[in-house]
C-alpha cells in the first residue's frame, strides 16, 4: 500500500472513530476512552494511537463542531438570502448539529485549547458582523448592543442543542423556536409570519 493510500485509510478510520465517539458522548458525556473504544468495536490501543488522551479526542470533536458550523454558514451565504431568512436558515442548519455536539457544553478542556478558542472567537466575530447586517435591515433593534445579541444567540443555540438532545423538541421546531425567541421573545401576542410554507409558530 502506498503512503498516500495509507494516509487516506487512516483519515477515514479517524473520522469513523470521531463519529462513534460523538455518538457515545452524546448519550454519555462522561464516557471514558475505554468505553468509547468498546462502542467502536476496537481495542484501547487502537483508539489511543489516534487519541492518546481524552482531552485530545475532545479537542478534535470541538474542531469538528466548528468546521460543521462553518459549513452551514458557507451554505447559507451562497444562497444570497435576505438577512432574516439567512438567520432562520443558519439556525435550521446549526441546531440539528446538537445531537452530535451538545456534550461540548460541559467539556471545559475544549475551551482551554488555544486553537479551539481562536476558532470560536472567529465565529463570534463573524456573528457580530451578521448582527450588524440584521440591524441595518431592521430585523434587530439598533439600540441593542451587539455583544448582547451575539451572547443571546450563542446561548439560545446551546439551549436548542440541549432540547434536541433530550428529545423534548424536534430539531426543526427548535430552530424556529430559537428564531422566534431571538427576535420576538416569549410574548403571548407574538405571531411570526411564515418565511416559507413550513415555518409558522
N, C-alpha and C. Protein backbone atom coordinates (compact mmCIF):
# COMPACT_ATOMS: atom_id res chain seq x y z
N UNK A 1 0.85 -1.19 0.00
CA UNK A 1 0.00 0.00 0.00
C UNK A 1 0.88 1.25 0.00
N UNK A 2 0.57 2.22 -0.88
CA UNK A 2 1.36 3.44 -0.95
C UNK A 2 1.15 4.28 0.29
N UNK A 3 2.06 5.24 0.49
CA UNK A 3 1.96 6.12 1.65
C UNK A 3 0.69 6.96 1.58
N UNK A 4 0.31 7.39 0.35
CA UNK A 4 -0.90 8.18 0.18
C UNK A 4 -2.14 7.37 0.54
N UNK A 5 -2.16 6.11 0.10
CA UNK A 5 -3.30 5.24 0.40
C UNK A 5 -3.41 4.98 1.89
N UNK A 6 -2.26 4.77 2.53
CA UNK A 6 -2.25 4.56 3.98
C UNK A 6 -2.80 5.79 4.70
N UNK A 7 -2.40 6.97 4.22
CA UNK A 7 -2.85 8.21 4.85
C UNK A 7 -4.36 8.36 4.71
N UNK A 8 -4.90 8.03 3.53
CA UNK A 8 -6.34 8.14 3.31
C UNK A 8 -7.10 7.15 4.18
N UNK A 9 -6.54 5.94 4.31
CA UNK A 9 -7.18 4.92 5.14
C UNK A 9 -7.21 5.35 6.60
N UNK A 10 -6.08 5.90 7.08
CA UNK A 10 -6.02 6.37 8.46
C UNK A 10 -6.99 7.52 8.69
N UNK A 11 -7.11 8.41 7.68
CA UNK A 11 -8.01 9.54 7.80
C UNK A 11 -9.46 9.07 7.91
N UNK A 12 -9.83 8.09 7.09
CA UNK A 12 -11.19 7.54 7.15
C UNK A 12 -11.43 6.84 8.48
N UNK A 13 -10.43 6.11 8.94
CA UNK A 13 -10.57 5.42 10.23
C UNK A 13 -10.72 6.41 11.36
N UNK A 14 -9.94 7.48 11.31
CA UNK A 14 -10.02 8.51 12.35
C UNK A 14 -11.38 9.18 12.33
N UNK A 15 -11.90 9.47 11.14
CA UNK A 15 -13.21 10.11 11.04
C UNK A 15 -14.31 9.19 11.57
N UNK A 16 -14.18 7.90 11.28
CA UNK A 16 -15.16 6.93 11.78
C UNK A 16 -15.13 6.88 13.31
N UNK A 17 -13.93 6.94 13.87
CA UNK A 17 -13.80 6.95 15.32
C UNK A 17 -14.38 8.23 15.93
N UNK A 18 -14.17 9.35 15.26
CA UNK A 18 -14.74 10.61 15.75
C UNK A 18 -16.27 10.56 15.74
N UNK A 19 -16.83 9.98 14.67
CA UNK A 19 -18.29 9.86 14.59
C UNK A 19 -18.83 8.98 15.71
N UNK A 20 -18.13 7.86 15.96
CA UNK A 20 -18.55 6.95 17.03
C UNK A 20 -18.41 7.63 18.38
N UNK A 21 -17.29 8.31 18.58
CA UNK A 21 -17.06 8.99 19.86
C UNK A 21 -18.12 10.05 20.12
N UNK A 22 -18.48 10.79 19.08
CA UNK A 22 -19.51 11.82 19.23
C UNK A 22 -20.84 11.20 19.63
N UNK A 23 -21.17 10.06 19.01
CA UNK A 23 -22.43 9.38 19.33
C UNK A 23 -22.43 8.86 20.76
N UNK A 24 -21.30 8.29 21.18
CA UNK A 24 -21.19 7.76 22.55
C UNK A 24 -21.28 8.90 23.57
N UNK A 25 -20.55 9.98 23.33
CA UNK A 25 -20.53 11.09 24.27
C UNK A 25 -21.86 11.84 24.29
N UNK A 26 -22.59 11.80 23.18
CA UNK A 26 -23.92 12.42 23.16
C UNK A 26 -24.86 11.70 24.13
N UNK A 27 -24.68 10.37 24.22
CA UNK A 27 -25.51 9.58 25.14
C UNK A 27 -24.96 9.61 26.56
N UNK A 28 -23.62 9.62 26.66
CA UNK A 28 -22.97 9.57 27.97
C UNK A 28 -21.77 10.51 27.96
N UNK A 29 -21.98 11.79 28.29
CA UNK A 29 -20.91 12.78 28.22
C UNK A 29 -19.66 12.43 29.03
N UNK A 30 -19.80 11.59 30.04
CA UNK A 30 -18.66 11.23 30.87
C UNK A 30 -17.95 9.97 30.43
N UNK A 31 -18.28 9.45 29.26
CA UNK A 31 -17.69 8.19 28.79
C UNK A 31 -16.17 8.28 28.71
N UNK A 32 -15.51 7.21 29.13
CA UNK A 32 -14.05 7.14 29.08
C UNK A 32 -13.61 6.67 27.70
N UNK A 33 -12.30 6.77 27.45
CA UNK A 33 -11.76 6.26 26.20
C UNK A 33 -12.01 4.76 26.07
N UNK A 34 -11.94 4.05 27.16
CA UNK A 34 -12.19 2.60 27.13
C UNK A 34 -13.62 2.31 26.70
N UNK A 35 -14.57 3.08 27.21
CA UNK A 35 -15.97 2.89 26.83
C UNK A 35 -16.19 3.23 25.37
N UNK A 36 -15.54 4.28 24.91
CA UNK A 36 -15.67 4.67 23.51
C UNK A 36 -15.07 3.60 22.60
N UNK A 37 -13.92 3.06 22.99
CA UNK A 37 -13.28 2.00 22.21
C UNK A 37 -14.19 0.78 22.12
N UNK A 38 -14.83 0.44 23.23
CA UNK A 38 -15.72 -0.72 23.25
C UNK A 38 -16.90 -0.50 22.32
N UNK A 39 -17.47 0.71 22.33
CA UNK A 39 -18.59 1.03 21.46
C UNK A 39 -18.18 0.99 19.99
N UNK A 40 -16.94 1.36 19.73
CA UNK A 40 -16.43 1.37 18.35
C UNK A 40 -16.01 -0.01 17.89
N UNK A 41 -15.95 -0.95 18.82
CA UNK A 41 -15.56 -2.31 18.47
C UNK A 41 -14.08 -2.45 18.18
N UNK A 42 -13.27 -1.64 18.85
CA UNK A 42 -11.82 -1.71 18.66
C UNK A 42 -11.15 -1.80 20.02
N UNK A 43 -9.88 -2.14 20.01
CA UNK A 43 -9.12 -2.20 21.25
C UNK A 43 -8.70 -0.81 21.70
N UNK A 44 -8.41 -0.69 22.99
CA UNK A 44 -7.99 0.61 23.51
C UNK A 44 -6.70 1.09 22.84
N UNK A 45 -5.82 0.15 22.54
CA UNK A 45 -4.54 0.53 21.92
C UNK A 45 -4.77 1.22 20.58
N UNK A 46 -5.75 0.72 19.82
CA UNK A 46 -6.05 1.33 18.52
C UNK A 46 -6.58 2.74 18.70
N UNK A 47 -7.49 2.92 19.65
CA UNK A 47 -8.04 4.25 19.90
C UNK A 47 -6.96 5.20 20.39
N UNK A 48 -6.09 4.69 21.27
CA UNK A 48 -5.02 5.53 21.83
C UNK A 48 -4.01 5.95 20.76
N UNK A 49 -3.91 5.16 19.70
CA UNK A 49 -3.00 5.53 18.62
C UNK A 49 -3.45 6.84 17.96
N UNK A 50 -4.74 7.02 17.87
CA UNK A 50 -5.29 8.25 17.30
C UNK A 50 -5.46 9.35 18.35
N UNK A 51 -5.91 8.94 19.53
CA UNK A 51 -6.23 9.90 20.60
C UNK A 51 -5.62 9.41 21.91
N UNK A 52 -4.36 9.75 22.16
CA UNK A 52 -3.68 9.23 23.36
C UNK A 52 -4.28 9.70 24.68
N UNK A 53 -4.99 10.83 24.64
CA UNK A 53 -5.64 11.36 25.84
C UNK A 53 -7.08 11.74 25.51
N UNK A 54 -7.93 11.69 26.50
CA UNK A 54 -9.32 12.08 26.29
C UNK A 54 -9.41 13.54 25.84
N UNK A 55 -8.52 14.37 26.38
CA UNK A 55 -8.51 15.78 26.01
C UNK A 55 -8.22 15.98 24.52
N UNK A 56 -7.39 15.10 23.97
CA UNK A 56 -7.07 15.18 22.54
C UNK A 56 -8.32 14.87 21.71
N UNK A 57 -9.06 13.85 22.13
CA UNK A 57 -10.30 13.50 21.44
C UNK A 57 -11.31 14.64 21.53
N UNK A 58 -11.47 15.21 22.70
CA UNK A 58 -12.43 16.30 22.88
C UNK A 58 -12.05 17.49 22.01
N UNK A 59 -10.76 17.77 21.93
CA UNK A 59 -10.30 18.88 21.09
C UNK A 59 -10.68 18.63 19.63
N UNK A 60 -10.46 17.40 19.17
CA UNK A 60 -10.80 17.06 17.78
C UNK A 60 -12.29 17.22 17.53
N UNK A 61 -13.11 16.81 18.49
CA UNK A 61 -14.55 16.92 18.34
C UNK A 61 -15.00 18.39 18.37
N UNK A 62 -14.34 19.19 19.19
CA UNK A 62 -14.66 20.62 19.23
C UNK A 62 -14.34 21.27 17.89
N UNK A 63 -13.21 20.90 17.31
CA UNK A 63 -12.86 21.44 16.00
C UNK A 63 -13.82 20.95 14.92
N UNK A 64 -14.29 19.69 15.06
CA UNK A 64 -15.26 19.15 14.11
C UNK A 64 -16.57 19.95 14.17
N UNK A 65 -16.97 20.33 15.38
CA UNK A 65 -18.19 21.14 15.55
C UNK A 65 -18.02 22.51 14.90
N UNK A 66 -16.86 23.11 15.08
CA UNK A 66 -16.59 24.42 14.49
C UNK A 66 -16.60 24.34 12.97
N UNK A 67 -16.00 23.28 12.43
CA UNK A 67 -15.98 23.09 10.98
C UNK A 67 -17.40 22.90 10.45
N UNK A 68 -18.21 22.13 11.17
CA UNK A 68 -19.59 21.88 10.75
C UNK A 68 -20.39 23.18 10.71
N UNK A 69 -20.18 24.04 11.70
CA UNK A 69 -20.88 25.33 11.73
C UNK A 69 -20.38 26.23 10.60
N UNK A 70 -19.09 26.19 10.33
CA UNK A 70 -18.53 26.95 9.21
C UNK A 70 -19.17 26.51 7.89
N UNK A 71 -19.40 25.22 7.73
CA UNK A 71 -20.01 24.70 6.51
C UNK A 71 -21.44 25.19 6.36
N UNK A 72 -22.18 25.20 7.47
CA UNK A 72 -23.55 25.73 7.43
C UNK A 72 -23.53 27.20 7.03
N UNK A 73 -22.62 27.96 7.63
CA UNK A 73 -22.51 29.39 7.32
C UNK A 73 -22.23 29.61 5.84
N UNK A 74 -21.29 28.85 5.29
CA UNK A 74 -20.93 28.99 3.88
C UNK A 74 -22.12 28.66 2.97
N UNK A 75 -22.85 27.61 3.31
CA UNK A 75 -24.01 27.21 2.51
C UNK A 75 -25.10 28.28 2.52
N UNK A 76 -25.32 28.89 3.68
CA UNK A 76 -26.34 29.95 3.78
C UNK A 76 -25.89 31.18 3.00
N UNK A 77 -24.63 31.55 3.13
CA UNK A 77 -24.12 32.72 2.42
C UNK A 77 -24.22 32.55 0.91
N UNK A 78 -24.04 31.32 0.44
CA UNK A 78 -24.09 31.05 -1.00
C UNK A 78 -25.48 31.24 -1.58
N UNK A 79 -26.50 31.23 -0.73
CA UNK A 79 -27.89 31.36 -1.20
C UNK A 79 -28.31 32.81 -1.41
N UNK A 80 -27.51 33.75 -0.91
CA UNK A 80 -27.78 35.18 -1.10
C UNK A 80 -29.19 35.55 -0.65
N UNK A 81 -29.54 35.16 0.56
CA UNK A 81 -30.87 35.41 1.12
C UNK A 81 -30.93 36.76 1.81
N UNK A 82 -32.14 37.23 2.06
CA UNK A 82 -32.30 38.40 2.91
C UNK A 82 -31.80 38.02 4.30
N UNK A 83 -31.44 39.01 5.10
CA UNK A 83 -30.80 38.70 6.38
C UNK A 83 -31.71 37.92 7.32
N UNK A 84 -33.04 38.21 7.31
CA UNK A 84 -33.93 37.48 8.21
C UNK A 84 -34.06 36.02 7.80
N UNK A 85 -34.15 35.77 6.50
CA UNK A 85 -34.22 34.39 6.03
C UNK A 85 -32.88 33.68 6.23
N UNK A 86 -31.79 34.42 6.05
CA UNK A 86 -30.46 33.83 6.29
C UNK A 86 -30.32 33.40 7.74
N UNK A 87 -30.84 34.20 8.66
CA UNK A 87 -30.79 33.85 10.08
C UNK A 87 -31.54 32.55 10.33
N UNK A 88 -32.74 32.43 9.78
CA UNK A 88 -33.52 31.22 10.00
C UNK A 88 -32.83 30.00 9.39
N UNK A 89 -32.31 30.15 8.17
CA UNK A 89 -31.64 29.02 7.52
C UNK A 89 -30.37 28.62 8.28
N UNK A 90 -29.67 29.61 8.82
CA UNK A 90 -28.49 29.32 9.63
C UNK A 90 -28.88 28.49 10.84
N UNK A 91 -29.94 28.90 11.52
CA UNK A 91 -30.40 28.17 12.71
C UNK A 91 -30.89 26.78 12.33
N UNK A 92 -31.55 26.65 11.20
CA UNK A 92 -32.01 25.34 10.74
C UNK A 92 -30.83 24.40 10.47
N UNK A 93 -29.71 24.98 10.05
CA UNK A 93 -28.54 24.16 9.79
C UNK A 93 -27.74 23.84 11.03
N UNK A 94 -27.67 24.79 11.96
CA UNK A 94 -26.82 24.64 13.14
C UNK A 94 -27.50 23.85 14.25
N UNK A 95 -28.78 24.10 14.49
CA UNK A 95 -29.46 23.46 15.62
C UNK A 95 -29.44 21.93 15.54
N UNK A 96 -29.67 21.31 14.37
CA UNK A 96 -29.62 19.85 14.32
C UNK A 96 -28.25 19.25 14.66
N UNK A 97 -27.20 20.06 14.63
CA UNK A 97 -25.88 19.55 15.00
C UNK A 97 -25.80 19.19 16.48
N UNK A 98 -26.77 19.65 17.24
CA UNK A 98 -26.75 19.41 18.68
C UNK A 98 -26.78 17.96 19.08
N UNK A 99 -27.37 17.10 18.23
CA UNK A 99 -27.42 15.68 18.60
C UNK A 99 -26.03 15.07 18.61
N UNK A 100 -25.07 15.72 17.95
CA UNK A 100 -23.69 15.22 17.95
C UNK A 100 -22.78 15.97 18.91
N UNK A 101 -23.04 17.26 19.09
CA UNK A 101 -22.04 18.09 19.75
C UNK A 101 -22.49 18.78 21.03
N UNK A 102 -23.70 18.53 21.50
CA UNK A 102 -24.20 19.25 22.67
C UNK A 102 -23.34 19.02 23.91
N UNK A 103 -22.72 17.83 24.01
CA UNK A 103 -21.92 17.48 25.19
C UNK A 103 -20.73 18.41 25.38
N UNK A 104 -20.33 19.11 24.33
CA UNK A 104 -19.18 20.01 24.43
C UNK A 104 -19.42 21.15 25.41
N UNK A 105 -20.69 21.41 25.71
CA UNK A 105 -21.01 22.49 26.65
C UNK A 105 -20.40 22.26 28.02
N UNK A 106 -20.20 20.99 28.37
CA UNK A 106 -19.67 20.66 29.70
C UNK A 106 -18.21 20.23 29.66
N UNK A 107 -17.60 20.26 28.48
CA UNK A 107 -16.21 19.83 28.35
C UNK A 107 -15.28 21.03 28.47
N UNK A 108 -14.88 21.33 29.68
CA UNK A 108 -14.04 22.50 29.94
C UNK A 108 -12.73 22.44 29.18
N UNK A 109 -12.18 21.24 29.01
CA UNK A 109 -10.88 21.10 28.36
C UNK A 109 -10.90 21.64 26.93
N UNK A 110 -12.06 21.55 26.27
CA UNK A 110 -12.15 22.02 24.88
C UNK A 110 -11.88 23.51 24.79
N UNK A 111 -12.29 24.25 25.81
CA UNK A 111 -12.16 25.70 25.78
C UNK A 111 -10.87 26.19 26.43
N UNK A 112 -10.01 25.24 26.75
CA UNK A 112 -8.68 25.59 27.23
C UNK A 112 -7.64 25.41 26.12
N UNK A 113 -8.12 24.96 24.96
CA UNK A 113 -7.22 24.75 23.83
C UNK A 113 -7.13 26.04 23.02
N UNK A 114 -5.92 26.56 22.77
CA UNK A 114 -5.77 27.83 22.07
C UNK A 114 -6.39 27.84 20.67
N UNK A 115 -6.22 26.74 19.92
CA UNK A 115 -6.75 26.70 18.56
C UNK A 115 -8.28 26.69 18.57
N UNK A 116 -8.87 25.93 19.48
CA UNK A 116 -10.33 25.90 19.59
C UNK A 116 -10.84 27.28 19.98
N UNK A 117 -10.19 27.91 20.96
CA UNK A 117 -10.60 29.24 21.39
C UNK A 117 -10.50 30.26 20.26
N UNK A 118 -9.43 30.17 19.49
CA UNK A 118 -9.24 31.11 18.38
C UNK A 118 -10.33 30.94 17.33
N UNK A 119 -10.66 29.69 17.02
CA UNK A 119 -11.70 29.42 16.02
C UNK A 119 -13.07 29.86 16.53
N UNK A 120 -13.32 29.60 17.80
CA UNK A 120 -14.60 30.00 18.40
C UNK A 120 -14.73 31.52 18.43
N UNK A 121 -13.66 32.21 18.78
CA UNK A 121 -13.66 33.67 18.79
C UNK A 121 -13.90 34.21 17.38
N UNK A 122 -13.29 33.56 16.38
CA UNK A 122 -13.50 33.98 14.99
C UNK A 122 -14.98 33.87 14.62
N UNK A 123 -15.60 32.77 15.00
CA UNK A 123 -17.02 32.59 14.68
C UNK A 123 -17.88 33.65 15.36
N UNK A 124 -17.54 34.00 16.59
CA UNK A 124 -18.30 35.04 17.29
C UNK A 124 -18.13 36.39 16.61
N UNK A 125 -16.94 36.67 16.08
CA UNK A 125 -16.71 37.92 15.35
C UNK A 125 -17.51 37.94 14.05
N UNK A 126 -17.56 36.78 13.37
CA UNK A 126 -18.36 36.68 12.15
C UNK A 126 -19.84 36.87 12.47
N UNK A 127 -20.26 36.33 13.60
CA UNK A 127 -21.65 36.51 14.04
C UNK A 127 -21.93 37.98 14.32
N UNK A 128 -20.95 38.66 14.88
CA UNK A 128 -21.09 40.09 15.17
C UNK A 128 -21.31 40.89 13.89
N UNK A 129 -20.60 40.52 12.83
CA UNK A 129 -20.78 41.19 11.53
C UNK A 129 -22.19 40.94 11.01
N UNK A 130 -22.67 39.71 11.18
CA UNK A 130 -24.02 39.37 10.74
C UNK A 130 -25.06 40.16 11.53
N UNK A 131 -24.81 40.35 12.81
CA UNK A 131 -25.73 41.13 13.65
C UNK A 131 -25.82 42.57 13.12
N UNK A 132 -24.72 43.13 12.69
CA UNK A 132 -24.73 44.47 12.11
C UNK A 132 -25.64 44.52 10.88
N UNK A 133 -25.59 43.46 10.07
CA UNK A 133 -26.46 43.41 8.90
C UNK A 133 -27.93 43.29 9.31
N UNK A 134 -28.19 42.48 10.33
CA UNK A 134 -29.56 42.34 10.83
C UNK A 134 -30.09 43.68 11.34
N UNK A 135 -29.23 44.45 11.98
CA UNK A 135 -29.63 45.78 12.46
C UNK A 135 -29.87 46.71 11.27
N UNK A 136 -28.99 46.66 10.30
CA UNK A 136 -29.12 47.51 9.11
C UNK A 136 -30.44 47.25 8.40
N UNK A 137 -30.88 45.98 8.41
CA UNK A 137 -32.12 45.59 7.73
C UNK A 137 -33.34 45.67 8.65
N UNK A 138 -33.16 46.27 9.82
CA UNK A 138 -34.25 46.46 10.79
C UNK A 138 -34.86 45.16 11.28
N UNK A 139 -34.05 44.10 11.31
CA UNK A 139 -34.50 42.83 11.87
C UNK A 139 -34.30 42.84 13.38
N UNK A 140 -33.20 43.45 13.81
CA UNK A 140 -32.88 43.61 15.23
C UNK A 140 -32.77 45.10 15.54
N UNK A 141 -33.28 45.49 16.68
CA UNK A 141 -33.27 46.90 17.07
C UNK A 141 -31.84 47.43 17.18
N UNK A 142 -31.57 48.59 16.61
CA UNK A 142 -30.20 49.11 16.59
C UNK A 142 -29.64 49.46 17.96
N UNK A 143 -30.52 49.74 18.94
CA UNK A 143 -30.02 50.16 20.25
C UNK A 143 -29.54 49.00 21.11
N UNK A 144 -29.83 47.76 20.70
CA UNK A 144 -29.37 46.60 21.47
C UNK A 144 -27.89 46.37 21.18
N UNK A 145 -27.04 46.33 22.19
CA UNK A 145 -25.60 46.13 21.96
C UNK A 145 -25.31 44.83 21.21
N UNK A 146 -24.38 44.91 20.27
CA UNK A 146 -24.00 43.72 19.50
C UNK A 146 -23.56 42.58 20.40
N UNK A 147 -22.80 42.92 21.43
CA UNK A 147 -22.31 41.88 22.34
C UNK A 147 -23.46 41.12 22.97
N UNK A 148 -24.50 41.84 23.35
CA UNK A 148 -25.67 41.20 23.96
C UNK A 148 -26.36 40.28 22.95
N UNK A 149 -26.51 40.74 21.72
CA UNK A 149 -27.18 39.94 20.69
C UNK A 149 -26.40 38.65 20.43
N UNK A 150 -25.08 38.76 20.26
CA UNK A 150 -24.29 37.57 19.96
C UNK A 150 -24.30 36.60 21.14
N UNK A 151 -24.24 37.13 22.36
CA UNK A 151 -24.28 36.26 23.54
C UNK A 151 -25.62 35.54 23.66
N UNK A 152 -26.71 36.27 23.40
CA UNK A 152 -28.04 35.66 23.46
C UNK A 152 -28.20 34.61 22.38
N UNK A 153 -27.76 34.92 21.17
CA UNK A 153 -27.88 33.96 20.07
C UNK A 153 -27.06 32.70 20.36
N UNK A 154 -25.85 32.89 20.85
CA UNK A 154 -24.99 31.76 21.18
C UNK A 154 -25.63 30.90 22.27
N UNK A 155 -26.17 31.56 23.29
CA UNK A 155 -26.81 30.82 24.39
C UNK A 155 -28.06 30.08 23.92
N UNK A 156 -28.84 30.71 23.04
CA UNK A 156 -30.04 30.06 22.53
C UNK A 156 -29.71 28.83 21.70
N UNK A 157 -28.62 28.90 20.95
CA UNK A 157 -28.21 27.73 20.16
C UNK A 157 -27.83 26.58 21.08
N UNK A 158 -27.07 26.88 22.14
CA UNK A 158 -26.72 25.83 23.11
C UNK A 158 -27.98 25.26 23.77
N UNK A 159 -28.94 26.14 24.07
CA UNK A 159 -30.20 25.69 24.68
C UNK A 159 -30.96 24.79 23.71
N UNK A 160 -30.99 25.18 22.45
CA UNK A 160 -31.66 24.36 21.44
C UNK A 160 -30.98 23.00 21.30
N UNK A 161 -29.65 22.99 21.33
CA UNK A 161 -28.92 21.72 21.26
C UNK A 161 -29.33 20.81 22.40
N UNK A 162 -29.44 21.37 23.59
CA UNK A 162 -29.81 20.58 24.76
C UNK A 162 -31.23 20.04 24.62
N UNK A 163 -32.15 20.88 24.14
CA UNK A 163 -33.54 20.47 23.99
C UNK A 163 -33.70 19.38 22.94
N UNK A 164 -32.93 19.49 21.87
CA UNK A 164 -32.98 18.47 20.81
C UNK A 164 -32.42 17.15 21.34
N UNK A 165 -31.31 17.23 22.05
CA UNK A 165 -30.69 16.01 22.57
C UNK A 165 -31.60 15.29 23.57
N UNK A 166 -32.32 16.05 24.39
CA UNK A 166 -33.19 15.44 25.39
C UNK A 166 -34.45 14.85 24.77
N UNK A 167 -34.70 15.20 23.50
CA UNK A 167 -35.89 14.69 22.83
C UNK A 167 -37.13 15.51 23.10
N UNK A 168 -36.98 16.62 23.82
CA UNK A 168 -38.13 17.45 24.15
C UNK A 168 -38.64 18.26 22.96
N UNK A 169 -37.73 18.64 22.08
CA UNK A 169 -38.08 19.46 20.93
C UNK A 169 -37.47 18.86 19.68
N UNK A 170 -38.25 18.80 18.59
CA UNK A 170 -37.73 18.31 17.31
C UNK A 170 -36.73 19.33 16.75
N UNK A 171 -35.71 18.87 16.00
CA UNK A 171 -34.68 19.78 15.51
C UNK A 171 -35.21 20.99 14.75
N UNK A 172 -36.13 20.79 13.81
CA UNK A 172 -36.62 21.93 13.04
C UNK A 172 -37.46 22.87 13.90
N UNK A 173 -38.25 22.28 14.82
CA UNK A 173 -39.02 23.12 15.74
C UNK A 173 -38.09 23.94 16.63
N UNK A 174 -37.00 23.33 17.05
CA UNK A 174 -36.04 24.03 17.92
C UNK A 174 -35.42 25.21 17.18
N UNK A 175 -35.14 25.03 15.89
CA UNK A 175 -34.57 26.12 15.10
C UNK A 175 -35.55 27.29 15.00
N UNK A 176 -36.82 26.97 14.75
CA UNK A 176 -37.83 28.02 14.62
C UNK A 176 -38.08 28.70 15.97
N UNK A 177 -38.09 27.91 17.04
CA UNK A 177 -38.26 28.49 18.38
C UNK A 177 -37.09 29.40 18.74
N UNK A 178 -35.89 29.01 18.34
CA UNK A 178 -34.72 29.85 18.57
C UNK A 178 -34.86 31.17 17.83
N UNK A 179 -35.30 31.08 16.59
CA UNK A 179 -35.52 32.27 15.77
C UNK A 179 -36.57 33.18 16.41
N UNK A 180 -37.68 32.59 16.79
CA UNK A 180 -38.76 33.37 17.42
C UNK A 180 -38.28 34.03 18.71
N UNK A 181 -37.63 33.25 19.57
CA UNK A 181 -37.20 33.78 20.86
C UNK A 181 -36.18 34.90 20.69
N UNK A 182 -35.28 34.74 19.74
CA UNK A 182 -34.26 35.76 19.50
C UNK A 182 -34.89 37.07 19.03
N UNK A 183 -35.84 36.98 18.11
CA UNK A 183 -36.38 38.20 17.51
C UNK A 183 -37.57 38.79 18.26
N UNK A 184 -38.38 37.93 18.89
CA UNK A 184 -39.62 38.42 19.49
C UNK A 184 -39.80 38.04 20.95
N UNK A 185 -38.87 37.32 21.53
CA UNK A 185 -39.02 36.91 22.91
C UNK A 185 -40.10 35.86 23.07
N UNK A 186 -40.75 35.85 24.23
CA UNK A 186 -41.76 34.84 24.53
C UNK A 186 -43.14 35.46 24.75
N UNK A 187 -43.34 36.64 24.22
CA UNK A 187 -44.61 37.33 24.41
C UNK A 187 -45.78 36.54 23.85
N UNK A 188 -46.88 36.55 24.59
CA UNK A 188 -48.09 35.82 24.17
C UNK A 188 -48.62 36.34 22.85
N UNK A 189 -48.45 37.63 22.62
CA UNK A 189 -49.05 38.27 21.45
C UNK A 189 -48.23 38.09 20.18
N UNK A 190 -47.09 37.45 20.29
CA UNK A 190 -46.20 37.33 19.14
C UNK A 190 -46.80 36.43 18.08
N UNK A 191 -46.71 36.86 16.84
CA UNK A 191 -47.05 35.99 15.71
C UNK A 191 -46.04 36.27 14.61
N UNK A 192 -45.26 35.29 14.28
CA UNK A 192 -44.26 35.45 13.23
C UNK A 192 -44.83 34.92 11.93
N UNK A 193 -44.92 35.78 10.94
CA UNK A 193 -45.40 35.32 9.65
C UNK A 193 -44.41 34.33 9.07
N UNK A 194 -44.93 33.36 8.37
CA UNK A 194 -44.10 32.30 7.81
C UNK A 194 -43.15 32.87 6.77
N UNK A 195 -41.88 32.49 6.90
CA UNK A 195 -40.90 32.85 5.87
C UNK A 195 -40.98 31.90 4.70
N UNK A 196 -41.46 30.71 4.95
CA UNK A 196 -41.84 29.80 3.87
C UNK A 196 -42.98 28.95 4.41
N UNK A 197 -43.56 28.12 3.59
CA UNK A 197 -44.80 27.43 3.95
C UNK A 197 -44.68 26.55 5.18
N UNK A 198 -43.48 26.14 5.55
CA UNK A 198 -43.32 25.21 6.66
C UNK A 198 -42.93 25.83 7.97
N UNK A 199 -42.78 27.16 8.01
CA UNK A 199 -42.22 27.80 9.20
C UNK A 199 -43.24 28.74 9.84
N UNK A 200 -44.10 28.18 10.67
CA UNK A 200 -45.09 29.01 11.36
C UNK A 200 -45.20 28.57 12.81
N UNK A 201 -45.24 29.53 13.70
CA UNK A 201 -45.46 29.26 15.12
C UNK A 201 -46.68 30.04 15.59
